[in-house]
PDB file of all heavy atoms in Angstrom:
ATOM      1  N   ALA A   1       0.839  -1.193   0.000  1.00  0.00           N
ATOM      2  CA  ALA A   1       0.000   0.000   0.000  1.00  0.00           C
ATOM      3  C   ALA A   1       0.881   1.252   0.000  1.00  0.00           C
ATOM      4  O   ALA A   1       1.930   1.288   0.632  1.00  0.00           O
ATOM      5  CB  ALA A   1      -0.913   0.001   1.215  1.00  0.00           C
ATOM      6  N   ILE A   2       0.419   2.249  -0.706  1.00  0.00           N
ATOM      7  CA  ILE A   2       1.152   3.509  -0.785  1.00  0.00           C
ATOM      8  C   ILE A   2       1.238   4.152   0.604  1.00  0.00           C
ATOM      9  O   ILE A   2       2.243   4.785   0.953  1.00  0.00           O
ATOM     10  CB  ILE A   2       0.454   4.469  -1.774  1.00  0.00           C
ATOM     11  CG1 ILE A   2       0.447   3.894  -3.192  1.00  0.00           C
ATOM     12  CG2 ILE A   2       1.109   5.838  -1.776  1.00  0.00           C
ATOM     13  CD1 ILE A   2       1.818   3.741  -3.811  1.00  0.00           C
ATOM     14  N   ASP A   3       0.199   3.967   1.413  1.00  0.00           N
ATOM     15  CA  ASP A   3       0.184   4.546   2.756  1.00  0.00           C
ATOM     16  C   ASP A   3       1.364   4.049   3.595  1.00  0.00           C
ATOM     17  O   ASP A   3       1.999   4.817   4.309  1.00  0.00           O
ATOM     18  CB  ASP A   3      -1.126   4.228   3.473  1.00  0.00           C
ATOM     19  CG  ASP A   3      -2.327   4.859   2.788  1.00  0.00           C
ATOM     20  OD1 ASP A   3      -2.137   5.874   2.091  1.00  0.00           O
ATOM     21  OD2 ASP A   3      -3.440   4.337   2.957  1.00  0.00           O
ATOM     22  N   LYS A   4       1.636   2.746   3.497  1.00  0.00           N
ATOM     23  CA  LYS A   4       2.735   2.171   4.269  1.00  0.00           C
ATOM     24  C   LYS A   4       4.079   2.720   3.793  1.00  0.00           C
ATOM     25  O   LYS A   4       4.953   3.036   4.598  1.00  0.00           O
ATOM     26  CB  LYS A   4       2.737   0.651   4.175  1.00  0.00           C
ATOM     27  CG  LYS A   4       1.712  -0.013   5.049  1.00  0.00           C
ATOM     28  CD  LYS A   4       1.905  -1.512   5.078  1.00  0.00           C
ATOM     29  CE  LYS A   4       0.897  -2.166   6.001  1.00  0.00           C
ATOM     30  NZ  LYS A   4       1.114  -3.611   6.091  1.00  0.00           N
ATOM     31  N   ALA A   5       4.238   2.821   2.481  1.00  0.00           N
ATOM     32  CA  ALA A   5       5.483   3.342   1.931  1.00  0.00           C
ATOM     33  C   ALA A   5       5.669   4.803   2.332  1.00  0.00           C
ATOM     34  O   ALA A   5       6.772   5.233   2.664  1.00  0.00           O
ATOM     35  CB  ALA A   5       5.489   3.203   0.410  1.00  0.00           C
ATOM     36  N   LEU A   6       4.583   5.559   2.306  1.00  0.00           N
ATOM     37  CA  LEU A   6       4.640   6.967   2.705  1.00  0.00           C
ATOM     38  C   LEU A   6       5.004   7.097   4.177  1.00  0.00           C
ATOM     39  O   LEU A   6       5.775   7.981   4.568  1.00  0.00           O
ATOM     40  CB  LEU A   6       3.300   7.636   2.419  1.00  0.00           C
ATOM     41  CG  LEU A   6       3.238   9.139   2.542  1.00  0.00           C
ATOM     42  CD1 LEU A   6       4.198   9.785   1.562  1.00  0.00           C
ATOM     43  CD2 LEU A   6       1.837   9.630   2.281  1.00  0.00           C
ATOM     44  N   LYS A   7       4.475   6.194   4.992  1.00  0.00           N
ATOM     45  CA  LYS A   7       4.766   6.210   6.428  1.00  0.00           C
ATOM     46  C   LYS A   7       6.252   5.926   6.662  1.00  0.00           C
ATOM     47  O   LYS A   7       6.906   6.588   7.477  1.00  0.00           O
ATOM     48  CB  LYS A   7       3.911   5.164   7.130  1.00  0.00           C
ATOM     49  CG  LYS A   7       3.915   5.274   8.624  1.00  0.00           C
ATOM     50  CD  LYS A   7       2.909   4.333   9.240  1.00  0.00           C
ATOM     51  CE  LYS A   7       2.822   4.531  10.731  1.00  0.00           C
ATOM     52  NZ  LYS A   7       1.813   3.683  11.347  1.00  0.00           N
ATOM     53  N   ARG A   8       6.831   4.987   5.913  1.00  0.00           N
ATOM     54  CA  ARG A   8       8.248   4.677   6.032  1.00  0.00           C
ATOM     55  C   ARG A   8       9.101   5.876   5.601  1.00  0.00           C
ATOM     56  O   ARG A   8      10.112   6.203   6.216  1.00  0.00           O
ATOM     57  CB  ARG A   8       8.626   3.459   5.203  1.00  0.00           C
ATOM     58  CG  ARG A   8       8.244   2.155   5.869  1.00  0.00           C
ATOM     59  CD  ARG A   8       8.864   0.965   5.193  1.00  0.00           C
ATOM     60  NE  ARG A   8       8.263   0.801   3.875  1.00  0.00           N
ATOM     61  CZ  ARG A   8       8.940   0.478   2.771  1.00  0.00           C
ATOM     62  NH1 ARG A   8      10.235   0.292   2.833  1.00  0.00           N
ATOM     63  NH2 ARG A   8       8.332   0.339   1.624  1.00  0.00           N
ATOM     64  N   PHE A   9       8.645   6.545   4.533  1.00  0.00           N
ATOM     65  CA  PHE A   9       9.358   7.728   4.063  1.00  0.00           C
ATOM     66  C   PHE A   9       9.363   8.814   5.128  1.00  0.00           C
ATOM     67  O   PHE A   9      10.383   9.433   5.396  1.00  0.00           O
ATOM     68  CB  PHE A   9       8.718   8.265   2.775  1.00  0.00           C
ATOM     69  CG  PHE A   9       9.263   9.593   2.352  1.00  0.00           C
ATOM     70  CD1 PHE A   9      10.496   9.680   1.742  1.00  0.00           C
ATOM     71  CD2 PHE A   9       8.549  10.754   2.585  1.00  0.00           C
ATOM     72  CE1 PHE A   9      11.013  10.903   1.362  1.00  0.00           C
ATOM     73  CE2 PHE A   9       9.055  11.985   2.214  1.00  0.00           C
ATOM     74  CZ  PHE A   9      10.287  12.054   1.600  1.00  0.00           C
ATOM     75  N   LYS A  10       8.207   9.041   5.737  1.00  0.00           N
ATOM     76  CA  LYS A  10       8.100  10.079   6.763  1.00  0.00           C
ATOM     77  C   LYS A  10       9.014   9.778   7.941  1.00  0.00           C
ATOM     78  O   LYS A  10       9.652  10.673   8.504  1.00  0.00           O
ATOM     79  CB  LYS A  10       6.653  10.216   7.238  1.00  0.00           C
ATOM     80  CG  LYS A  10       5.760  10.916   6.240  1.00  0.00           C
ATOM     81  CD  LYS A  10       4.361  11.046   6.766  1.00  0.00           C
ATOM     82  CE  LYS A  10       3.447  11.723   5.771  1.00  0.00           C
ATOM     83  NZ  LYS A  10       2.065  11.825   6.273  1.00  0.00           N
ATOM     84  N   LYS A  11       9.095   8.488   8.347  1.00  0.00           N
ATOM     85  CA  LYS A  11       9.963   8.103   9.456  1.00  0.00           C
ATOM     86  C   LYS A  11      11.424   8.386   9.129  1.00  0.00           C
ATOM     87  O   LYS A  11      12.163   8.948   9.932  1.00  0.00           O
ATOM     88  CB  LYS A  11       9.801   6.619   9.778  1.00  0.00           C
ATOM     89  CG  LYS A  11       8.715   6.315  10.760  1.00  0.00           C
ATOM     90  CD  LYS A  11       8.763   4.855  11.147  1.00  0.00           C
ATOM     91  CE  LYS A  11       7.607   4.501  12.062  1.00  0.00           C
ATOM     92  NZ  LYS A  11       7.610   3.072  12.389  1.00  0.00           N
ATOM     93  N   LYS A  12      11.847   7.998   7.911  1.00  0.00           N
ATOM     94  CA  LYS A  12      13.229   8.226   7.513  1.00  0.00           C
ATOM     95  C   LYS A  12      13.534   9.711   7.443  1.00  0.00           C
ATOM     96  O   LYS A  12      14.603  10.161   7.840  1.00  0.00           O
ATOM     97  CB  LYS A  12      13.511   7.589   6.148  1.00  0.00           C
ATOM     98  CG  LYS A  12      13.888   6.152   6.210  1.00  0.00           C
ATOM     99  CD  LYS A  12      14.413   5.673   4.884  1.00  0.00           C
ATOM    100  CE  LYS A  12      14.895   4.255   4.973  1.00  0.00           C
ATOM    101  NZ  LYS A  12      15.440   3.778   3.697  1.00  0.00           N
ATOM    102  N   PHE A  13      12.564  10.479   6.933  1.00  0.00           N
ATOM    103  CA  PHE A  13      12.744  11.918   6.798  1.00  0.00           C
ATOM    104  C   PHE A  13      12.878  12.578   8.163  1.00  0.00           C
ATOM    105  O   PHE A  13      13.710  13.461   8.353  1.00  0.00           O
ATOM    106  CB  PHE A  13      11.563  12.522   6.031  1.00  0.00           C
ATOM    107  CG  PHE A  13      11.710  13.985   5.734  1.00  0.00           C
ATOM    108  CD1 PHE A  13      12.602  14.424   4.771  1.00  0.00           C
ATOM    109  CD2 PHE A  13      10.963  14.915   6.424  1.00  0.00           C
ATOM    110  CE1 PHE A  13      12.742  15.773   4.493  1.00  0.00           C
ATOM    111  CE2 PHE A  13      11.098  16.269   6.155  1.00  0.00           C
ATOM    112  CZ  PHE A  13      11.983  16.687   5.190  1.00  0.00           C
ATOM    113  N   GLU A  14      12.093  12.136   9.122  1.00  0.00           N
ATOM    114  CA  GLU A  14      12.171  12.682  10.479  1.00  0.00           C
ATOM    115  C   GLU A  14      13.522  12.382  11.116  1.00  0.00           C
ATOM    116  O   GLU A  14      14.086  13.209  11.822  1.00  0.00           O
ATOM    117  CB  GLU A  14      11.057  12.103  11.351  1.00  0.00           C
ATOM    118  CG  GLU A  14       9.946  13.070  11.616  1.00  0.00           C
ATOM    119  CD  GLU A  14       8.895  12.501  12.530  1.00  0.00           C
ATOM    120  OE1 GLU A  14       9.255  12.042  13.631  1.00  0.00           O
ATOM    121  OE2 GLU A  14       7.725  12.526  12.139  1.00  0.00           O
ATOM    122  N   LYS A  15      14.044  11.181  10.867  1.00  0.00           N
ATOM    123  CA  LYS A  15      15.318  10.794  11.460  1.00  0.00           C
ATOM    124  C   LYS A  15      16.474  11.638  10.936  1.00  0.00           C
ATOM    125  O   LYS A  15      17.471  11.822  11.630  1.00  0.00           O
ATOM    126  CB  LYS A  15      15.607   9.317  11.203  1.00  0.00           C
ATOM    127  CG  LYS A  15      14.826   8.392  12.090  1.00  0.00           C
ATOM    128  CD  LYS A  15      15.228   6.956  11.878  1.00  0.00           C
ATOM    129  CE  LYS A  15      14.407   6.034  12.766  1.00  0.00           C
ATOM    130  NZ  LYS A  15      14.790   4.640  12.562  1.00  0.00           N
ATOM    131  N   THR A  16      16.349  12.152   9.711  1.00  0.00           N
ATOM    132  CA  THR A  16      17.427  12.972   9.161  1.00  0.00           C
ATOM    133  C   THR A  16      17.529  14.305   9.874  1.00  0.00           C
ATOM    134  O   THR A  16      18.604  14.903   9.920  1.00  0.00           O
ATOM    135  CB  THR A  16      17.235  13.237   7.653  1.00  0.00           C
ATOM    136  OG1 THR A  16      15.996  13.907   7.455  1.00  0.00           O
ATOM    137  CG2 THR A  16      17.282  11.955   6.860  1.00  0.00           C
ATOM    138  N   GLY A  17      16.415  14.807  10.432  1.00  0.00           N
ATOM    139  CA  GLY A  17      16.437  16.045  11.192  1.00  0.00           C
ATOM    140  C   GLY A  17      16.440  17.300  10.345  1.00  0.00           C
ATOM    141  O   GLY A  17      16.839  18.370  10.805  1.00  0.00           O
ATOM    142  N   VAL A  18      16.010  17.201   9.087  1.00  0.00           N
ATOM    143  CA  VAL A  18      16.008  18.343   8.177  1.00  0.00           C
ATOM    144  C   VAL A  18      15.050  19.424   8.667  1.00  0.00           C
ATOM    145  O   VAL A  18      15.402  20.607   8.730  1.00  0.00           O
ATOM    146  CB  VAL A  18      15.638  17.906   6.742  1.00  0.00           C
ATOM    147  CG1 VAL A  18      15.497  19.097   5.827  1.00  0.00           C
ATOM    148  CG2 VAL A  18      16.678  16.957   6.207  1.00  0.00           C
ATOM    149  N   LEU A  19      13.837  19.041   9.029  1.00  0.00           N
ATOM    150  CA  LEU A  19      12.856  20.030   9.473  1.00  0.00           C
ATOM    151  C   LEU A  19      13.288  20.711  10.766  1.00  0.00           C
ATOM    152  O   LEU A  19      13.123  21.920  10.931  1.00  0.00           O
ATOM    153  CB  LEU A  19      11.487  19.380   9.673  1.00  0.00           C
ATOM    154  CG  LEU A  19      10.653  19.177   8.413  1.00  0.00           C
ATOM    155  CD1 LEU A  19       9.317  18.544   8.762  1.00  0.00           C
ATOM    156  CD2 LEU A  19      10.417  20.489   7.704  1.00  0.00           C
ATOM    157  N   ARG A  20      13.844  19.941  11.674  1.00  0.00           N
ATOM    158  CA  ARG A  20      14.314  20.502  12.941  1.00  0.00           C
ATOM    159  C   ARG A  20      15.390  21.557  12.683  1.00  0.00           C
ATOM    160  O   ARG A  20      15.396  22.638  13.271  1.00  0.00           O
ATOM    161  CB  ARG A  20      14.864  19.382  13.822  1.00  0.00           C
ATOM    162  CG  ARG A  20      14.996  19.737  15.261  1.00  0.00           C
ATOM    163  CD  ARG A  20      15.439  18.575  16.145  1.00  0.00           C
ATOM    164  NE  ARG A  20      14.864  17.294  15.782  1.00  0.00           N
ATOM    165  CZ  ARG A  20      15.580  16.216  15.404  1.00  0.00           C
ATOM    166  NH1 ARG A  20      16.880  16.267  15.377  1.00  0.00           N
ATOM    167  NH2 ARG A  20      14.995  15.087  15.097  1.00  0.00           N
ATOM    168  N   GLU A  21      16.296  21.233  11.753  1.00  0.00           N
ATOM    169  CA  GLU A  21      17.363  22.155  11.403  1.00  0.00           C
ATOM    170  C   GLU A  21      16.803  23.428  10.767  1.00  0.00           C
ATOM    171  O   GLU A  21      17.225  24.542  11.090  1.00  0.00           O
ATOM    172  CB  GLU A  21      18.337  21.474  10.432  1.00  0.00           C
ATOM    173  CG  GLU A  21      19.525  22.308  10.055  1.00  0.00           C
ATOM    174  CD  GLU A  21      20.545  22.420  11.161  1.00  0.00           C
ATOM    175  OE1 GLU A  21      20.557  21.555  12.055  1.00  0.00           O
ATOM    176  OE2 GLU A  21      21.314  23.400  11.139  1.00  0.00           O
ATOM    177  N   LEU A  22      15.829  23.272   9.884  1.00  0.00           N
ATOM    178  CA  LEU A  22      15.211  24.430   9.235  1.00  0.00           C
ATOM    179  C   LEU A  22      14.554  25.350  10.258  1.00  0.00           C
ATOM    180  O   LEU A  22      14.707  26.573  10.197  1.00  0.00           O
ATOM    181  CB  LEU A  22      14.156  23.982   8.221  1.00  0.00           C
ATOM    182  CG  LEU A  22      14.646  23.676   6.818  1.00  0.00           C
ATOM    183  CD1 LEU A  22      13.505  23.128   5.972  1.00  0.00           C
ATOM    184  CD2 LEU A  22      15.217  24.909   6.165  1.00  0.00           C
ATOM    185  N   ARG A  23      13.824  24.772  11.172  1.00  0.00           N
ATOM    186  CA  ARG A  23      13.142  25.575  12.181  1.00  0.00           C
ATOM    187  C   ARG A  23      14.135  26.303  13.079  1.00  0.00           C
ATOM    188  O   ARG A  23      13.904  27.441  13.479  1.00  0.00           O
ATOM    189  CB  ARG A  23      12.215  24.698  13.009  1.00  0.00           C
ATOM    190  CG  ARG A  23      11.000  24.266  12.230  1.00  0.00           C
ATOM    191  CD  ARG A  23       9.952  23.602  13.108  1.00  0.00           C
ATOM    192  NE  ARG A  23       8.836  23.169  12.295  1.00  0.00           N
ATOM    193  CZ  ARG A  23       8.430  21.908  12.167  1.00  0.00           C
ATOM    194  NH1 ARG A  23       9.042  20.958  12.833  1.00  0.00           N
ATOM    195  NH2 ARG A  23       7.414  21.600  11.397  1.00  0.00           N
ATOM    196  N   SER A  24      15.232  25.647  13.388  1.00  0.00           N
ATOM    197  CA  SER A  24      16.216  26.295  14.259  1.00  0.00           C
ATOM    198  C   SER A  24      16.919  27.440  13.534  1.00  0.00           C
ATOM    199  O   SER A  24      17.347  28.409  14.162  1.00  0.00           O
ATOM    200  CB  SER A  24      17.238  25.288  14.762  1.00  0.00           C
ATOM    201  OG  SER A  24      18.059  24.844  13.705  1.00  0.00           O
ATOM    202  N   ARG A  25      17.008  27.375  12.218  1.00  0.00           N
ATOM    203  CA  ARG A  25      17.687  28.425  11.453  1.00  0.00           C
ATOM    204  C   ARG A  25      16.763  29.580  11.071  1.00  0.00           C
ATOM    205  O   ARG A  25      17.222  30.569  10.515  1.00  0.00           O
ATOM    206  CB  ARG A  25      18.290  27.840  10.174  1.00  0.00           C
ATOM    207  CG  ARG A  25      19.488  26.961  10.434  1.00  0.00           C
ATOM    208  CD  ARG A  25      20.024  26.397   9.152  1.00  0.00           C
ATOM    209  NE  ARG A  25      21.113  25.490   9.408  1.00  0.00           N
ATOM    210  CZ  ARG A  25      22.205  25.441   8.659  1.00  0.00           C
ATOM    211  NH1 ARG A  25      22.332  26.233   7.625  1.00  0.00           N
ATOM    212  NH2 ARG A  25      23.150  24.588   8.947  1.00  0.00           N
ATOM    213  N   GLN A  26      15.483  29.459  11.334  1.00  0.00           N
ATOM    214  CA  GLN A  26      14.558  30.524  10.967  1.00  0.00           C
ATOM    215  C   GLN A  26      14.854  31.807  11.728  1.00  0.00           C
ATOM    216  O   GLN A  26      14.737  32.899  11.192  1.00  0.00           O
ATOM    217  CB  GLN A  26      13.109  30.108  11.225  1.00  0.00           C
ATOM    218  CG  GLN A  26      12.524  29.298  10.101  1.00  0.00           C
ATOM    219  CD  GLN A  26      11.076  28.957  10.351  1.00  0.00           C
ATOM    220  OE1 GLN A  26      10.606  28.982  11.479  1.00  0.00           O
ATOM    221  NE2 GLN A  26      10.362  28.632   9.293  1.00  0.00           N
ATOM    222  N   ALA A  27      15.232  31.686  12.971  1.00  0.00           N
ATOM    223  CA  ALA A  27      15.523  32.859  13.784  1.00  0.00           C
ATOM    224  C   ALA A  27      16.849  32.635  14.501  1.00  0.00           C
ATOM    225  O   ALA A  27      17.155  31.532  14.942  1.00  0.00           O
ATOM    226  CB  ALA A  27      14.414  33.091  14.798  1.00  0.00           C
ATOM    227  N   PHE A  28      17.616  33.686  14.624  1.00  0.00           N
ATOM    228  CA  PHE A  28      18.902  33.593  15.298  1.00  0.00           C
ATOM    229  C   PHE A  28      18.706  33.394  16.794  1.00  0.00           C
ATOM    230  O   PHE A  28      17.838  34.000  17.411  1.00  0.00           O
ATOM    231  CB  PHE A  28      19.718  34.867  15.065  1.00  0.00           C
ATOM    232  CG  PHE A  28      21.043  34.844  15.753  1.00  0.00           C
ATOM    233  CD1 PHE A  28      22.079  34.086  15.260  1.00  0.00           C
ATOM    234  CD2 PHE A  28      21.240  35.578  16.906  1.00  0.00           C
ATOM    235  CE1 PHE A  28      23.299  34.052  15.906  1.00  0.00           C
ATOM    236  CE2 PHE A  28      22.461  35.558  17.558  1.00  0.00           C
ATOM    237  CZ  PHE A  28      23.490  34.796  17.046  1.00  0.00           C
ATOM    238  N   GLU A  29      19.528  32.513  17.345  1.00  0.00           N
ATOM    239  CA  GLU A  29      19.465  32.246  18.778  1.00  0.00           C
ATOM    240  C   GLU A  29      20.840  32.541  19.378  1.00  0.00           C
ATOM    241  O   GLU A  29      21.853  32.048  18.874  1.00  0.00           O
ATOM    242  CB  GLU A  29      19.093  30.782  19.015  1.00  0.00           C
ATOM    243  CG  GLU A  29      18.795  30.444  20.437  1.00  0.00           C
ATOM    244  CD  GLU A  29      18.341  29.012  20.592  1.00  0.00           C
ATOM    245  OE1 GLU A  29      18.961  28.131  19.974  1.00  0.00           O
ATOM    246  OE2 GLU A  29      17.382  28.790  21.334  1.00  0.00           O
ATOM    247  N   LYS A  30      20.855  33.351  20.411  1.00  0.00           N
ATOM    248  CA  LYS A  30      22.123  33.700  21.034  1.00  0.00           C
ATOM    249  C   LYS A  30      22.771  32.461  21.645  1.00  0.00           C
ATOM    250  O   LYS A  30      22.102  31.493  21.986  1.00  0.00           O
ATOM    251  CB  LYS A  30      21.901  34.740  22.130  1.00  0.00           C
ATOM    252  CG  LYS A  30      21.472  36.077  21.586  1.00  0.00           C
ATOM    253  CD  LYS A  30      21.351  37.194  22.579  1.00  0.00           C
ATOM    254  CE  LYS A  30      21.382  36.900  24.018  1.00  0.00           C
ATOM    255  NZ  LYS A  30      21.161  38.068  24.881  1.00  0.00           N
ATOM    256  N   ARG A  31      24.096  32.519  21.755  1.00  0.00           N
ATOM    257  CA  ARG A  31      24.829  31.375  22.307  1.00  0.00           C
ATOM    258  C   ARG A  31      24.395  31.048  23.720  1.00  0.00           C
ATOM    259  O   ARG A  31      24.280  29.886  24.100  1.00  0.00           O
ATOM    260  CB  ARG A  31      26.320  31.648  22.299  1.00  0.00           C
ATOM    261  CG  ARG A  31      26.958  31.466  20.961  1.00  0.00           C
ATOM    262  CD  ARG A  31      28.447  31.563  21.101  1.00  0.00           C
ATOM    263  NE  ARG A  31      29.080  31.372  19.803  1.00  0.00           N
ATOM    264  CZ  ARG A  31      30.345  31.604  19.574  1.00  0.00           C
ATOM    265  NH1 ARG A  31      31.112  32.045  20.537  1.00  0.00           N
ATOM    266  NH2 ARG A  31      30.859  31.407  18.382  1.00  0.00           N
ATOM    267  N   SER A  32      24.165  32.087  24.504  1.00  0.00           N
ATOM    268  CA  SER A  32      23.791  31.861  25.901  1.00  0.00           C
ATOM    269  C   SER A  32      22.442  31.146  25.981  1.00  0.00           C
ATOM    270  O   SER A  32      22.246  30.256  26.818  1.00  0.00           O
ATOM    271  CB  SER A  32      23.728  33.184  26.658  1.00  0.00           C
ATOM    272  OG  SER A  32      22.783  34.052  26.070  1.00  0.00           O
ATOM    273  N   VAL A  33      21.520  31.509  25.096  1.00  0.00           N
ATOM    274  CA  VAL A  33      20.205  30.871  25.085  1.00  0.00           C
ATOM    275  C   VAL A  33      20.329  29.423  24.618  1.00  0.00           C
ATOM    276  O   VAL A  33      19.726  28.511  25.192  1.00  0.00           O
ATOM    277  CB  VAL A  33      19.226  31.663  24.182  1.00  0.00           C
ATOM    278  CG1 VAL A  33      17.900  30.937  24.074  1.00  0.00           C
ATOM    279  CG2 VAL A  33      19.032  33.067  24.710  1.00  0.00           C
TER     280      VAL A  33
END
């Protein structure tokens, strides 16, 4: 089923941390913070 393949893709994509990295780069964060 395409749903299962899509679910596997989403899991792999989450593990790469691309979205987390993008969100962290949206705004500058001071070193102390």
